[in-house]
All heavy atoms as atom14 arrays in JSON, in Angstrom:
{
  "sequence": "DAENFSTLTPNHTFPANTILEAGKCLVLFGGGTPTGSFGGALV",
  "atom14_mask": [
    [1, 1, 1, 1, 1, 1, 1, 1, 0, 0, 0, 0, 0, 0],
    [1, 1, 1, 1, 1, 0, 0, 0, 0, 0, 0, 0, 0, 0],
    [1, 1, 1, 1, 1, 1, 1, 1, 1, 0, 0, 0, 0, 0],
    [1, 1, 1, 1, 1, 1, 1, 1, 0, 0, 0, 0, 0, 0],
    [1, 1, 1, 1, 1, 1, 1, 1, 1, 1, 1, 0, 0, 0],
    [1, 1, 1, 1, 1, 1, 0, 0, 0, 0, 0, 0, 0, 0],
    [1, 1, 1, 1, 1, 1, 1, 0, 0, 0, 0, 0, 0, 0],
    [1, 1, 1, 1, 1, 1, 1, 1, 0, 0, 0, 0, 0, 0],
    [1, 1, 1, 1, 1, 1, 1, 0, 0, 0, 0, 0, 0, 0],
    [1, 1, 1, 1, 1, 1, 1, 0, 0, 0, 0, 0, 0, 0],
    [1, 1, 1, 1, 1, 1, 1, 1, 0, 0, 0, 0, 0, 0],
    [1, 1, 1, 1, 1, 1, 1, 1, 1, 1, 0, 0, 0, 0],
    [1, 1, 1, 1, 1, 1, 1, 0, 0, 0, 0, 0, 0, 0],
    [1, 1, 1, 1, 1, 1, 1, 1, 1, 1, 1, 0, 0, 0],
    [1, 1, 1, 1, 1, 1, 1, 0, 0, 0, 0, 0, 0, 0],
    [1, 1, 1, 1, 1, 0, 0, 0, 0, 0, 0, 0, 0, 0],
    [1, 1, 1, 1, 1, 1, 1, 1, 0, 0, 0, 0, 0, 0],
    [1, 1, 1, 1, 1, 1, 1, 0, 0, 0, 0, 0, 0, 0],
    [1, 1, 1, 1, 1, 1, 1, 1, 0, 0, 0, 0, 0, 0],
    [1, 1, 1, 1, 1, 1, 1, 1, 0, 0, 0, 0, 0, 0],
    [1, 1, 1, 1, 1, 1, 1, 1, 1, 0, 0, 0, 0, 0],
    [1, 1, 1, 1, 1, 0, 0, 0, 0, 0, 0, 0, 0, 0],
    [1, 1, 1, 1, 0, 0, 0, 0, 0, 0, 0, 0, 0, 0],
    [1, 1, 1, 1, 1, 1, 1, 1, 1, 0, 0, 0, 0, 0],
    [1, 1, 1, 1, 1, 1, 0, 0, 0, 0, 0, 0, 0, 0],
    [1, 1, 1, 1, 1, 1, 1, 1, 0, 0, 0, 0, 0, 0],
    [1, 1, 1, 1, 1, 1, 1, 0, 0, 0, 0, 0, 0, 0],
    [1, 1, 1, 1, 1, 1, 1, 1, 0, 0, 0, 0, 0, 0],
    [1, 1, 1, 1, 1, 1, 1, 1, 1, 1, 1, 0, 0, 0],
    [1, 1, 1, 1, 0, 0, 0, 0, 0, 0, 0, 0, 0, 0],
    [1, 1, 1, 1, 0, 0, 0, 0, 0, 0, 0, 0, 0, 0],
    [1, 1, 1, 1, 0, 0, 0, 0, 0, 0, 0, 0, 0, 0],
    [1, 1, 1, 1, 1, 1, 1, 0, 0, 0, 0, 0, 0, 0],
    [1, 1, 1, 1, 1, 1, 1, 0, 0, 0, 0, 0, 0, 0],
    [1, 1, 1, 1, 1, 1, 1, 0, 0, 0, 0, 0, 0, 0],
    [1, 1, 1, 1, 0, 0, 0, 0, 0, 0, 0, 0, 0, 0],
    [1, 1, 1, 1, 1, 1, 0, 0, 0, 0, 0, 0, 0, 0],
    [1, 1, 1, 1, 1, 1, 1, 1, 1, 1, 1, 0, 0, 0],
    [1, 1, 1, 1, 0, 0, 0, 0, 0, 0, 0, 0, 0, 0],
    [1, 1, 1, 1, 0, 0, 0, 0, 0, 0, 0, 0, 0, 0],
    [1, 1, 1, 1, 1, 0, 0, 0, 0, 0, 0, 0, 0, 0],
    [1, 1, 1, 1, 1, 1, 1, 1, 0, 0, 0, 0, 0, 0],
    [1, 1, 1, 1, 1, 1, 1, 0, 0, 0, 0, 0, 0, 0]
  ],
  "atom14_positions": [
    [[-1.74, 10.29, -0.28], [-2.93, 10.87, -0.89], [-4.03, 10.85, 0.02], [-3.93, 10.36, 1.15], [-3.22, 10.19, -2.17], [-3.84, 8.73, -1.99], [-3.48, 8.15, -0.96], [-4.5, 8.33, -2.85], [0.0, 0.0, 0.0], [0.0, 0.0, 0.0], [0.0, 0.0, 0.0], [0.0, 0.0, 0.0], [0.0, 0.0, 0.0], [0.0, 0.0, 0.0]],
    [[-5.25, 11.49, -0.31], [-6.25, 11.62, 0.65], [-6.72, 10.32, 1.15], [-6.97, 10.2, 2.38], [-7.35, 12.43, 0.09], [0.0, 0.0, 0.0], [0.0, 0.0, 0.0], [0.0, 0.0, 0.0], [0.0, 0.0, 0.0], [0.0, 0.0, 0.0], [0.0, 0.0, 0.0], [0.0, 0.0, 0.0], [0.0, 0.0, 0.0], [0.0, 0.0, 0.0]],
    [[-6.94, 9.39, 0.23], [-7.48, 8.04, 0.67], [-6.6, 7.4, 1.66], [-7.0, 6.86, 2.65], [-7.64, 7.16, -0.59], [-8.16, 5.79, -0.29], [-8.26, 4.98, -1.61], [-7.74, 5.37, -2.68], [-8.74, 3.8, -1.45], [0.0, 0.0, 0.0], [0.0, 0.0, 0.0], [0.0, 0.0, 0.0], [0.0, 0.0, 0.0], [0.0, 0.0, 0.0]],
    [[-5.29, 7.38, 1.39], [-4.33, 6.63, 2.31], [-4.03, 7.48, 3.58], [-3.75, 6.88, 4.6], [-2.91, 6.43, 1.62], [-3.11, 5.25, 0.63], [-4.05, 4.64, 0.52], [-1.91, 4.97, -0.03], [0.0, 0.0, 0.0], [0.0, 0.0, 0.0], [0.0, 0.0, 0.0], [0.0, 0.0, 0.0], [0.0, 0.0, 0.0], [0.0, 0.0, 0.0]],
    [[-4.25, 8.77, 3.51], [-4.14, 9.52, 4.84], [-5.22, 9.21, 5.81], [-4.96, 9.15, 7.03], [-4.17, 11.12, 4.45], [-3.77, 11.93, 5.7], [-2.41, 11.98, 6.19], [-4.75, 12.69, 6.39], [-2.23, 12.69, 7.24], [-4.49, 13.45, 7.4], [-3.16, 13.47, 7.97], [0.0, 0.0, 0.0], [0.0, 0.0, 0.0], [0.0, 0.0, 0.0]],
    [[-6.4, 8.83, 5.37], [-7.4, 8.47, 6.19], [-7.16, 7.18, 6.99], [-7.74, 6.98, 8.1], [-8.76, 8.26, 5.43], [-8.67, 7.1, 4.57], [0.0, 0.0, 0.0], [0.0, 0.0, 0.0], [0.0, 0.0, 0.0], [0.0, 0.0, 0.0], [0.0, 0.0, 0.0], [0.0, 0.0, 0.0], [0.0, 0.0, 0.0], [0.0, 0.0, 0.0]],
    [[-6.29, 6.42, 6.51], [-5.97, 5.19, 7.21], [-4.44, 5.21, 7.68], [-3.87, 4.2, 8.23], [-6.08, 3.92, 6.37], [-5.24, 3.98, 5.04], [-7.6, 3.81, 5.93], [0.0, 0.0, 0.0], [0.0, 0.0, 0.0], [0.0, 0.0, 0.0], [0.0, 0.0, 0.0], [0.0, 0.0, 0.0], [0.0, 0.0, 0.0], [0.0, 0.0, 0.0]],
    [[-3.74, 6.39, 7.43], [-2.3, 6.53, 7.74], [-1.48, 5.48, 7.14], [-0.62, 4.85, 7.84], [-2.09, 6.54, 9.28], [-2.67, 7.75, 9.87], [-2.36, 7.73, 11.48], [-2.14, 9.13, 9.3], [0.0, 0.0, 0.0], [0.0, 0.0, 0.0], [0.0, 0.0, 0.0], [0.0, 0.0, 0.0], [0.0, 0.0, 0.0], [0.0, 0.0, 0.0]],
    [[-1.87, 5.1, 5.91], [-1.03, 4.1, 5.07], [-0.27, 4.9, 4.05], [-0.73, 5.38, 3.05], [-1.89, 3.11, 4.43], [-2.78, 2.58, 5.25], [-1.11, 2.07, 3.58], [0.0, 0.0, 0.0], [0.0, 0.0, 0.0], [0.0, 0.0, 0.0], [0.0, 0.0, 0.0], [0.0, 0.0, 0.0], [0.0, 0.0, 0.0], [0.0, 0.0, 0.0]],
    [[1.01, 5.11, 4.34], [1.82, 6.08, 3.44], [1.99, 5.54, 1.96], [2.19, 4.39, 1.75], [3.16, 6.22, 4.2], [3.27, 5.04, 4.99], [1.87, 4.63, 5.34], [0.0, 0.0, 0.0], [0.0, 0.0, 0.0], [0.0, 0.0, 0.0], [0.0, 0.0, 0.0], [0.0, 0.0, 0.0], [0.0, 0.0, 0.0], [0.0, 0.0, 0.0]],
    [[1.87, 6.5, 0.99], [2.35, 6.16, -0.35], [3.8, 6.18, -0.41], [4.34, 5.44, -1.24], [1.81, 7.24, -1.27], [0.23, 7.34, -1.28], [-0.29, 7.8, -0.3], [-0.36, 6.85, -2.29], [0.0, 0.0, 0.0], [0.0, 0.0, 0.0], [0.0, 0.0, 0.0], [0.0, 0.0, 0.0], [0.0, 0.0, 0.0], [0.0, 0.0, 0.0]],
    [[4.49, 6.85, 0.45], [5.99, 6.86, 0.46], [6.39, 7.21, 1.78], [5.96, 8.05, 2.57], [6.58, 7.96, -0.47], [7.97, 7.97, -0.57], [8.74, 6.92, -1.02], [8.86, 8.98, -0.13], [10.07, 7.37, -0.93], [10.12, 8.53, -0.3], [0.0, 0.0, 0.0], [0.0, 0.0, 0.0], [0.0, 0.0, 0.0], [0.0, 0.0, 0.0]],
    [[7.56, 6.48, 2.27], [8.11, 6.75, 3.51], [9.63, 7.05, 3.25], [10.34, 6.2, 2.53], [8.12, 5.6, 4.52], [6.7, 5.38, 4.9], [8.88, 5.94, 5.82], [0.0, 0.0, 0.0], [0.0, 0.0, 0.0], [0.0, 0.0, 0.0], [0.0, 0.0, 0.0], [0.0, 0.0, 0.0], [0.0, 0.0, 0.0], [0.0, 0.0, 0.0]],
    [[10.13, 8.3, 3.47], [11.5, 8.58, 3.11], [12.43, 7.72, 4.0], [12.28, 7.57, 5.2], [11.66, 9.98, 3.39], [10.97, 10.97, 2.55], [9.84, 11.6, 2.91], [11.58, 11.23, 1.23], [9.1, 12.36, 2.07], [10.79, 12.08, 0.37], [9.56, 12.67, 0.82], [0.0, 0.0, 0.0], [0.0, 0.0, 0.0], [0.0, 0.0, 0.0]],
    [[13.39, 7.0, 3.21], [14.24, 6.0, 3.94], [15.3, 6.78, 4.75], [15.39, 8.0, 4.81], [14.99, 5.38, 2.84], [14.89, 6.32, 1.67], [13.56, 7.11, 1.87], [0.0, 0.0, 0.0], [0.0, 0.0, 0.0], [0.0, 0.0, 0.0], [0.0, 0.0, 0.0], [0.0, 0.0, 0.0], [0.0, 0.0, 0.0], [0.0, 0.0, 0.0]],
    [[15.88, 5.98, 5.64], [16.95, 6.48, 6.54], [18.0, 7.18, 5.67], [18.28, 6.94, 4.71], [17.55, 5.34, 7.33], [0.0, 0.0, 0.0], [0.0, 0.0, 0.0], [0.0, 0.0, 0.0], [0.0, 0.0, 0.0], [0.0, 0.0, 0.0], [0.0, 0.0, 0.0], [0.0, 0.0, 0.0], [0.0, 0.0, 0.0], [0.0, 0.0, 0.0]],
    [[18.57, 8.26, 6.38], [19.63, 9.09, 5.75], [19.18, 9.89, 4.56], [19.92, 10.14, 3.72], [20.81, 8.19, 5.35], [21.46, 7.51, 6.53], [21.57, 8.01, 7.64], [21.68, 6.18, 6.38], [0.0, 0.0, 0.0], [0.0, 0.0, 0.0], [0.0, 0.0, 0.0], [0.0, 0.0, 0.0], [0.0, 0.0, 0.0], [0.0, 0.0, 0.0]],
    [[17.89, 10.26, 4.57], [17.44, 11.2, 3.54], [17.73, 12.6, 4.13], [16.92, 13.12, 4.9], [15.9, 10.97, 3.38], [15.63, 9.64, 2.83], [15.49, 12.05, 2.35], [0.0, 0.0, 0.0], [0.0, 0.0, 0.0], [0.0, 0.0, 0.0], [0.0, 0.0, 0.0], [0.0, 0.0, 0.0], [0.0, 0.0, 0.0], [0.0, 0.0, 0.0]],
    [[18.82, 13.19, 3.74], [19.21, 14.55, 4.24], [19.04, 15.46, 3.02], [19.67, 15.29, 1.96], [20.68, 14.5, 4.65], [20.89, 13.4, 5.68], [21.0, 15.8, 5.25], [20.04, 13.55, 6.91], [0.0, 0.0, 0.0], [0.0, 0.0, 0.0], [0.0, 0.0, 0.0], [0.0, 0.0, 0.0], [0.0, 0.0, 0.0], [0.0, 0.0, 0.0]],
    [[18.19, 16.47, 3.11], [18.0, 17.5, 2.17], [18.65, 18.72, 2.71], [18.39, 19.35, 3.63], [16.49, 17.75, 1.98], [16.1, 18.7, 0.91], [16.54, 18.19, -0.41], [14.57, 18.83, 0.85], [0.0, 0.0, 0.0], [0.0, 0.0, 0.0], [0.0, 0.0, 0.0], [0.0, 0.0, 0.0], [0.0, 0.0, 0.0], [0.0, 0.0, 0.0]],
    [[19.68, 19.1, 1.89], [20.59, 20.19, 2.2], [19.7, 21.58, 2.08], [18.81, 21.62, 1.39], [21.67, 20.35, 1.3], [22.73, 19.12, 1.45], [23.26, 19.05, 2.8], [23.46, 20.12, 3.46], [23.52, 17.89, 3.32], [0.0, 0.0, 0.0], [0.0, 0.0, 0.0], [0.0, 0.0, 0.0], [0.0, 0.0, 0.0], [0.0, 0.0, 0.0]],
    [[20.21, 22.57, 2.86], [19.57, 23.95, 2.74], [19.43, 24.47, 1.36], [20.44, 24.35, 0.67], [20.34, 24.84, 3.71], [0.0, 0.0, 0.0], [0.0, 0.0, 0.0], [0.0, 0.0, 0.0], [0.0, 0.0, 0.0], [0.0, 0.0, 0.0], [0.0, 0.0, 0.0], [0.0, 0.0, 0.0], [0.0, 0.0, 0.0], [0.0, 0.0, 0.0]],
    [[18.32, 24.85, 0.95], [18.03, 25.53, -0.32], [17.93, 24.51, -1.47], [17.66, 24.88, -2.57], [0.0, 0.0, 0.0], [0.0, 0.0, 0.0], [0.0, 0.0, 0.0], [0.0, 0.0, 0.0], [0.0, 0.0, 0.0], [0.0, 0.0, 0.0], [0.0, 0.0, 0.0], [0.0, 0.0, 0.0], [0.0, 0.0, 0.0], [0.0, 0.0, 0.0]],
    [[18.05, 23.22, -1.18], [18.12, 22.23, -2.21], [16.68, 21.57, -2.23], [15.78, 21.73, -1.42], [19.18, 21.16, -2.04], [20.58, 21.73, -2.01], [20.97, 22.4, -3.31], [22.33, 22.91, -3.29], [22.69, 23.66, -4.49], [0.0, 0.0, 0.0], [0.0, 0.0, 0.0], [0.0, 0.0, 0.0], [0.0, 0.0, 0.0], [0.0, 0.0, 0.0]],
    [[16.55, 20.76, -3.43], [15.19, 20.16, -3.59], [15.28, 18.61, -3.68], [16.39, 18.12, -4.06], [14.47, 20.73, -4.81], [15.0, 20.06, -6.38], [0.0, 0.0, 0.0], [0.0, 0.0, 0.0], [0.0, 0.0, 0.0], [0.0, 0.0, 0.0], [0.0, 0.0, 0.0], [0.0, 0.0, 0.0], [0.0, 0.0, 0.0], [0.0, 0.0, 0.0]],
    [[14.16, 18.11, -3.48], [14.04, 16.56, -3.6], [12.82, 16.31, -4.45], [11.8, 17.06, -4.41], [13.75, 15.9, -2.17], [13.47, 14.39, -2.16], [13.99, 13.95, -0.73], [12.0, 14.09, -2.34], [0.0, 0.0, 0.0], [0.0, 0.0, 0.0], [0.0, 0.0, 0.0], [0.0, 0.0, 0.0], [0.0, 0.0, 0.0], [0.0, 0.0, 0.0]],
    [[12.95, 15.4, -5.43], [11.99, 14.96, -6.35], [11.64, 13.64, -6.09], [12.38, 12.68, -5.94], [12.51, 15.1, -7.83], [11.33, 14.65, -8.7], [12.86, 16.49, -8.07], [0.0, 0.0, 0.0], [0.0, 0.0, 0.0], [0.0, 0.0, 0.0], [0.0, 0.0, 0.0], [0.0, 0.0, 0.0], [0.0, 0.0, 0.0], [0.0, 0.0, 0.0]],
    [[10.27, 13.38, -5.83], [9.75, 12.09, -5.52], [8.83, 11.73, -6.69], [7.81, 12.28, -6.96], [9.01, 12.03, -4.15], [8.16, 10.72, -3.92], [9.11, 9.56, -3.71], [7.37, 10.92, -2.66], [0.0, 0.0, 0.0], [0.0, 0.0, 0.0], [0.0, 0.0, 0.0], [0.0, 0.0, 0.0], [0.0, 0.0, 0.0], [0.0, 0.0, 0.0]],
    [[9.23, 10.64, -7.46], [8.48, 10.13, -8.6], [7.6, 8.93, -8.04], [7.93, 8.31, -7.07], [9.39, 9.62, -9.73], [10.05, 10.7, -10.52], [11.3, 10.98, -10.23], [9.29, 11.29, -11.42], [11.95, 11.94, -10.97], [9.94, 12.43, -12.22], [11.34, 12.73, -11.95], [0.0, 0.0, 0.0], [0.0, 0.0, 0.0], [0.0, 0.0, 0.0]],
    [[6.58, 8.67, -8.77], [5.69, 7.6, -8.51], [6.45, 6.2, -8.62], [6.16, 5.32, -7.8], [0.0, 0.0, 0.0], [0.0, 0.0, 0.0], [0.0, 0.0, 0.0], [0.0, 0.0, 0.0], [0.0, 0.0, 0.0], [0.0, 0.0, 0.0], [0.0, 0.0, 0.0], [0.0, 0.0, 0.0], [0.0, 0.0, 0.0], [0.0, 0.0, 0.0]],
    [[7.3, 6.16, -9.61], [8.02, 4.89, -9.86], [8.9, 4.97, -11.08], [9.33, 6.12, -11.32], [0.0, 0.0, 0.0], [0.0, 0.0, 0.0], [0.0, 0.0, 0.0], [0.0, 0.0, 0.0], [0.0, 0.0, 0.0], [0.0, 0.0, 0.0], [0.0, 0.0, 0.0], [0.0, 0.0, 0.0], [0.0, 0.0, 0.0], [0.0, 0.0, 0.0]],
    [[9.02, 3.86, -11.69], [9.86, 3.88, -12.86], [11.38, 3.9, -12.51], [11.84, 3.65, -11.28], [0.0, 0.0, 0.0], [0.0, 0.0, 0.0], [0.0, 0.0, 0.0], [0.0, 0.0, 0.0], [0.0, 0.0, 0.0], [0.0, 0.0, 0.0], [0.0, 0.0, 0.0], [0.0, 0.0, 0.0], [0.0, 0.0, 0.0], [0.0, 0.0, 0.0]],
    [[12.24, 4.31, -13.49], [13.76, 4.38, -13.26], [14.1, 5.81, -13.72], [14.48, 6.08, -14.84], [14.47, 3.3, -14.09], [13.98, 2.09, -13.8], [15.99, 3.34, -13.74], [0.0, 0.0, 0.0], [0.0, 0.0, 0.0], [0.0, 0.0, 0.0], [0.0, 0.0, 0.0], [0.0, 0.0, 0.0], [0.0, 0.0, 0.0], [0.0, 0.0, 0.0]],
    [[14.08, 6.68, -12.72], [14.38, 8.07, -13.08], [15.78, 8.26, -13.72], [16.79, 7.67, -13.22], [14.39, 8.82, -11.79], [13.47, 8.01, -10.91], [13.57, 6.61, -11.37], [0.0, 0.0, 0.0], [0.0, 0.0, 0.0], [0.0, 0.0, 0.0], [0.0, 0.0, 0.0], [0.0, 0.0, 0.0], [0.0, 0.0, 0.0], [0.0, 0.0, 0.0]],
    [[15.87, 8.79, -14.92], [17.02, 8.95, -15.73], [17.34, 10.34, -16.01], [16.42, 11.04, -16.68], [16.92, 8.0, -17.0], [16.6, 6.71, -16.62], [18.21, 8.1, -17.79], [0.0, 0.0, 0.0], [0.0, 0.0, 0.0], [0.0, 0.0, 0.0], [0.0, 0.0, 0.0], [0.0, 0.0, 0.0], [0.0, 0.0, 0.0], [0.0, 0.0, 0.0]],
    [[18.53, 10.83, -15.63], [18.8, 12.22, -15.87], [19.4, 12.9, -14.77], [19.43, 12.23, -13.68], [0.0, 0.0, 0.0], [0.0, 0.0, 0.0], [0.0, 0.0, 0.0], [0.0, 0.0, 0.0], [0.0, 0.0, 0.0], [0.0, 0.0, 0.0], [0.0, 0.0, 0.0], [0.0, 0.0, 0.0], [0.0, 0.0, 0.0], [0.0, 0.0, 0.0]],
    [[19.95, 14.11, -14.83], [20.51, 14.77, -13.71], [19.63, 15.39, -12.79], [19.84, 15.65, -11.63], [21.53, 15.83, -14.24], [20.81, 16.83, -14.97], [0.0, 0.0, 0.0], [0.0, 0.0, 0.0], [0.0, 0.0, 0.0], [0.0, 0.0, 0.0], [0.0, 0.0, 0.0], [0.0, 0.0, 0.0], [0.0, 0.0, 0.0], [0.0, 0.0, 0.0]],
    [[18.44, 15.88, -13.26], [17.45, 16.56, -12.45], [17.94, 17.65, -11.73], [17.6, 17.89, -10.54], [16.67, 15.53, -11.57], [15.94, 14.37, -12.4], [16.5, 13.13, -12.38], [14.85, 14.7, -13.15], [15.86, 12.15, -13.1], [14.21, 13.67, -13.85], [14.67, 12.34, -13.89], [0.0, 0.0, 0.0], [0.0, 0.0, 0.0], [0.0, 0.0, 0.0]],
    [[18.92, 18.42, -12.27], [19.53, 19.6, -11.57], [20.31, 19.33, -10.39], [20.58, 20.15, -9.62], [0.0, 0.0, 0.0], [0.0, 0.0, 0.0], [0.0, 0.0, 0.0], [0.0, 0.0, 0.0], [0.0, 0.0, 0.0], [0.0, 0.0, 0.0], [0.0, 0.0, 0.0], [0.0, 0.0, 0.0], [0.0, 0.0, 0.0], [0.0, 0.0, 0.0]],
    [[20.63, 18.02, -10.3], [21.49, 17.65, -8.99], [20.6, 17.39, -7.84], [21.14, 17.34, -6.64], [0.0, 0.0, 0.0], [0.0, 0.0, 0.0], [0.0, 0.0, 0.0], [0.0, 0.0, 0.0], [0.0, 0.0, 0.0], [0.0, 0.0, 0.0], [0.0, 0.0, 0.0], [0.0, 0.0, 0.0], [0.0, 0.0, 0.0], [0.0, 0.0, 0.0]],
    [[19.26, 17.27, -8.06], [18.37, 17.13, -6.95], [18.47, 15.71, -6.3], [18.99, 14.79, -7.03], [16.91, 17.39, -7.36], [0.0, 0.0, 0.0], [0.0, 0.0, 0.0], [0.0, 0.0, 0.0], [0.0, 0.0, 0.0], [0.0, 0.0, 0.0], [0.0, 0.0, 0.0], [0.0, 0.0, 0.0], [0.0, 0.0, 0.0], [0.0, 0.0, 0.0]],
    [[18.0, 15.62, -5.08], [17.88, 14.4, -4.53], [16.57, 13.73, -5.09], [15.53, 14.26, -5.1], [17.63, 14.52, -2.9], [17.67, 13.31, -2.04], [18.97, 12.53, -2.19], [17.43, 13.7, -0.62], [0.0, 0.0, 0.0], [0.0, 0.0, 0.0], [0.0, 0.0, 0.0], [0.0, 0.0, 0.0], [0.0, 0.0, 0.0], [0.0, 0.0, 0.0]],
    [[16.73, 12.5, -5.56], [15.69, 11.83, -6.34], [15.34, 10.47, -5.71], [16.19, 9.7, -5.42], [15.97, 11.67, -7.76], [14.87, 10.88, -8.64], [16.38, 12.96, -8.52], [0.0, 0.0, 0.0], [0.0, 0.0, 0.0], [0.0, 0.0, 0.0], [0.0, 0.0, 0.0], [0.0, 0.0, 0.0], [0.0, 0.0, 0.0], [0.0, 0.0, 0.0]]
  ]
}
């Protein structure tokens, strides 16, 4: 977010082996336990 960008402190760092296939989508939630198929997206 804007505040953390000013100090380069990431709100999220994508972990190793985060591979997003061509034409596909990734959903990043703030937290919780995402439950559901989410269209087969990377979550």
